[in-house]
Amino acid sequence: MVKNVLGGVLQTCCVDPLTGFYRDGKCNTGPDDFGKHTVCVIVTDEFLQHQRSIGNDLITPRPEFNFPGLKAGNGWCVCAGPFKRSFDAGIRPTVRLEATHENVLEDIPLEDLLKCARVN
């Protein structure tokens, strides 16, 4: 069973657009996922602009990678490192903890993720 950061079953992050390193809608990871696409976020314009400024362009469509380009409000599995850079810069999109892979805890403390958690 693949777990989320809360210890439960990893939930789907987003299927429209279809996200995840494996394009299965989940923030699954494995040995070939060097970027650790493990943080499920709801992107904002501010987050997208910051990500682009640090070299992680999530706006421009890349059809060769089945990537449509993101708009504010989209769910997406973001790499742990770039997410942490935005977080440290004070740019904190909503994180869906139930859809964020437990592996991210190797790079980002749960306390930080909780500061961005979606309130149901």
Protein backbone atom coordinates (compact mmCIF):
# COMPACT_ATOMS: atom_id res chain seq x y z
CA MET A 1 0.00 0.00 0.00
CA VAL A 2 1.36 3.39 -1.00
CA LYS A 3 0.96 5.86 1.86
CA ASN A 4 0.45 9.60 2.12
CA VAL A 5 2.13 11.92 4.63
CA LEU A 6 -0.68 11.27 7.13
CA GLY A 7 -0.11 7.50 7.03
CA GLY A 8 -3.25 6.68 5.04
CA VAL A 9 -3.66 5.38 1.49
CA LEU A 10 -2.29 7.80 -1.13
CA GLN A 11 -5.26 9.51 -2.80
CA THR A 12 -5.54 10.85 -6.34
CA CYS A 13 -4.15 14.36 -6.78
CA CYS A 14 -5.59 15.36 -10.16
CA VAL A 15 -6.79 13.71 -13.38
CA ASP A 16 -7.61 16.88 -15.36
CA PRO A 17 -4.89 17.68 -16.17
CA LEU A 18 -3.48 14.21 -15.61
CA THR A 19 -0.64 14.57 -13.15
CA GLY A 20 2.05 12.47 -11.52
CA PHE A 21 5.45 11.30 -12.67
CA TYR A 22 3.72 8.22 -14.05
CA ARG A 23 0.72 10.24 -15.31
CA ASP A 24 -1.64 8.15 -13.19
CA GLY A 25 -3.22 11.07 -11.33
CA LYS A 26 -1.26 10.29 -8.16
CA CYS A 27 1.97 11.64 -6.69
CA ASN A 28 3.58 8.21 -6.90
CA THR A 29 7.35 7.99 -7.03
CA GLY A 30 9.96 5.39 -7.77
CA PRO A 31 13.65 4.94 -8.50
CA ASP A 32 13.38 6.62 -11.91
CA ASP A 33 11.67 9.74 -10.49
CA PHE A 34 14.78 11.78 -9.72
CA GLY A 35 12.76 14.95 -9.11
CA LYS A 36 10.45 13.34 -6.55
CA HIS A 37 7.08 14.50 -7.95
CA THR A 38 5.49 13.91 -4.56
CA VAL A 39 3.74 17.09 -3.33
CA CYS A 40 0.10 17.48 -4.39
CA VAL A 41 -0.66 21.20 -4.66
CA ILE A 42 -3.41 23.42 -6.00
CA VAL A 43 -1.35 25.92 -7.97
CA THR A 44 -1.77 29.69 -7.82
CA ASP A 45 -0.54 32.32 -10.27
CA GLU A 46 2.03 33.45 -7.69
CA PHE A 47 3.32 29.90 -7.25
CA LEU A 48 3.48 29.29 -11.01
CA GLN A 49 5.42 32.52 -11.57
CA HIS A 50 7.85 31.71 -8.77
CA GLN A 51 8.38 28.19 -10.06
CA ARG A 52 9.14 29.57 -13.52
CA SER A 53 11.59 32.08 -12.00
CA ILE A 54 13.56 29.24 -10.38
CA GLY A 55 13.66 27.19 -13.59
CA ASN A 56 10.58 24.99 -13.12
CA ASP A 57 8.26 26.22 -15.89
CA LEU A 58 4.85 24.72 -15.18
CA ILE A 59 3.03 27.21 -17.42
CA THR A 60 4.34 26.44 -20.91
CA PRO A 61 2.68 23.42 -22.57
CA ARG A 62 5.08 20.58 -23.43
CA PRO A 63 3.08 18.14 -25.57
CA GLU A 64 6.10 15.87 -26.01
CA PHE A 65 5.83 15.12 -22.27
CA ASN A 66 2.01 15.03 -22.17
CA PHE A 67 2.15 18.31 -20.26
CA PRO A 68 -0.67 20.79 -20.99
CA GLY A 69 0.73 23.75 -19.04
CA LEU A 70 -0.94 24.74 -15.78
CA LYS A 71 -3.31 27.50 -14.76
CA ALA A 72 -4.25 28.71 -11.28
CA GLY A 73 -6.59 26.22 -9.64
CA ASN A 74 -5.08 23.13 -11.25
CA GLY A 75 -3.93 20.27 -9.06
CA TRP A 76 -0.41 19.03 -9.73
CA CYS A 77 2.27 16.75 -8.30
CA VAL A 78 5.19 19.13 -7.78
CA CYS A 79 8.78 18.08 -7.15
CA ALA A 80 9.85 18.31 -3.53
CA GLY A 81 12.90 20.55 -4.12
CA PRO A 82 11.18 23.31 -6.13
CA PHE A 83 8.18 23.21 -3.77
CA LYS A 84 10.53 23.77 -0.81
CA ARG A 85 12.19 26.71 -2.58
CA SER A 86 8.80 28.39 -3.05
CA PHE A 87 7.80 27.56 0.53
CA ASP A 88 11.02 29.08 1.88
CA ALA A 89 10.35 32.21 -0.23
CA GLY A 90 6.94 32.56 1.47
CA ILE A 91 4.94 31.33 -1.52
CA ARG A 92 2.71 28.57 -0.22
CA PRO A 93 0.07 26.99 -2.41
CA THR A 94 -2.53 24.71 -0.88
CA VAL A 95 -1.20 21.20 -0.28
CA ARG A 96 -3.54 18.20 -0.35
CA LEU A 97 -1.95 16.05 2.37
CA GLU A 98 -4.03 12.96 1.58
CA ALA A 99 -2.60 13.01 -1.96
CA THR A 100 1.01 13.87 -1.01
CA HIS A 101 3.38 10.87 -1.00
CA GLU A 102 5.00 9.95 2.33
CA ASN A 103 8.41 9.98 0.62
CA VAL A 104 8.35 13.80 0.65
CA LEU A 105 8.95 13.71 4.41
CA GLU A 106 12.60 12.90 3.60
CA ASP A 107 12.88 16.46 2.22
CA ILE A 108 10.11 18.54 3.80
CA PRO A 109 8.97 18.34 7.43
CA LEU A 110 5.30 17.52 8.02
CA GLU A 111 5.10 20.72 10.07
CA ASP A 112 5.82 22.76 6.93
CA LEU A 113 3.30 20.83 4.85
CA LEU A 114 0.66 21.38 7.53
CA LYS A 115 1.14 25.15 7.14
CA CYS A 116 -0.14 24.75 3.57
CA ALA A 117 -2.78 22.10 4.17
CA ARG A 118 -6.19 22.33 2.65
CA VAL A 119 -8.93 22.66 5.24
CA ASN A 120 -11.91 20.46 4.44
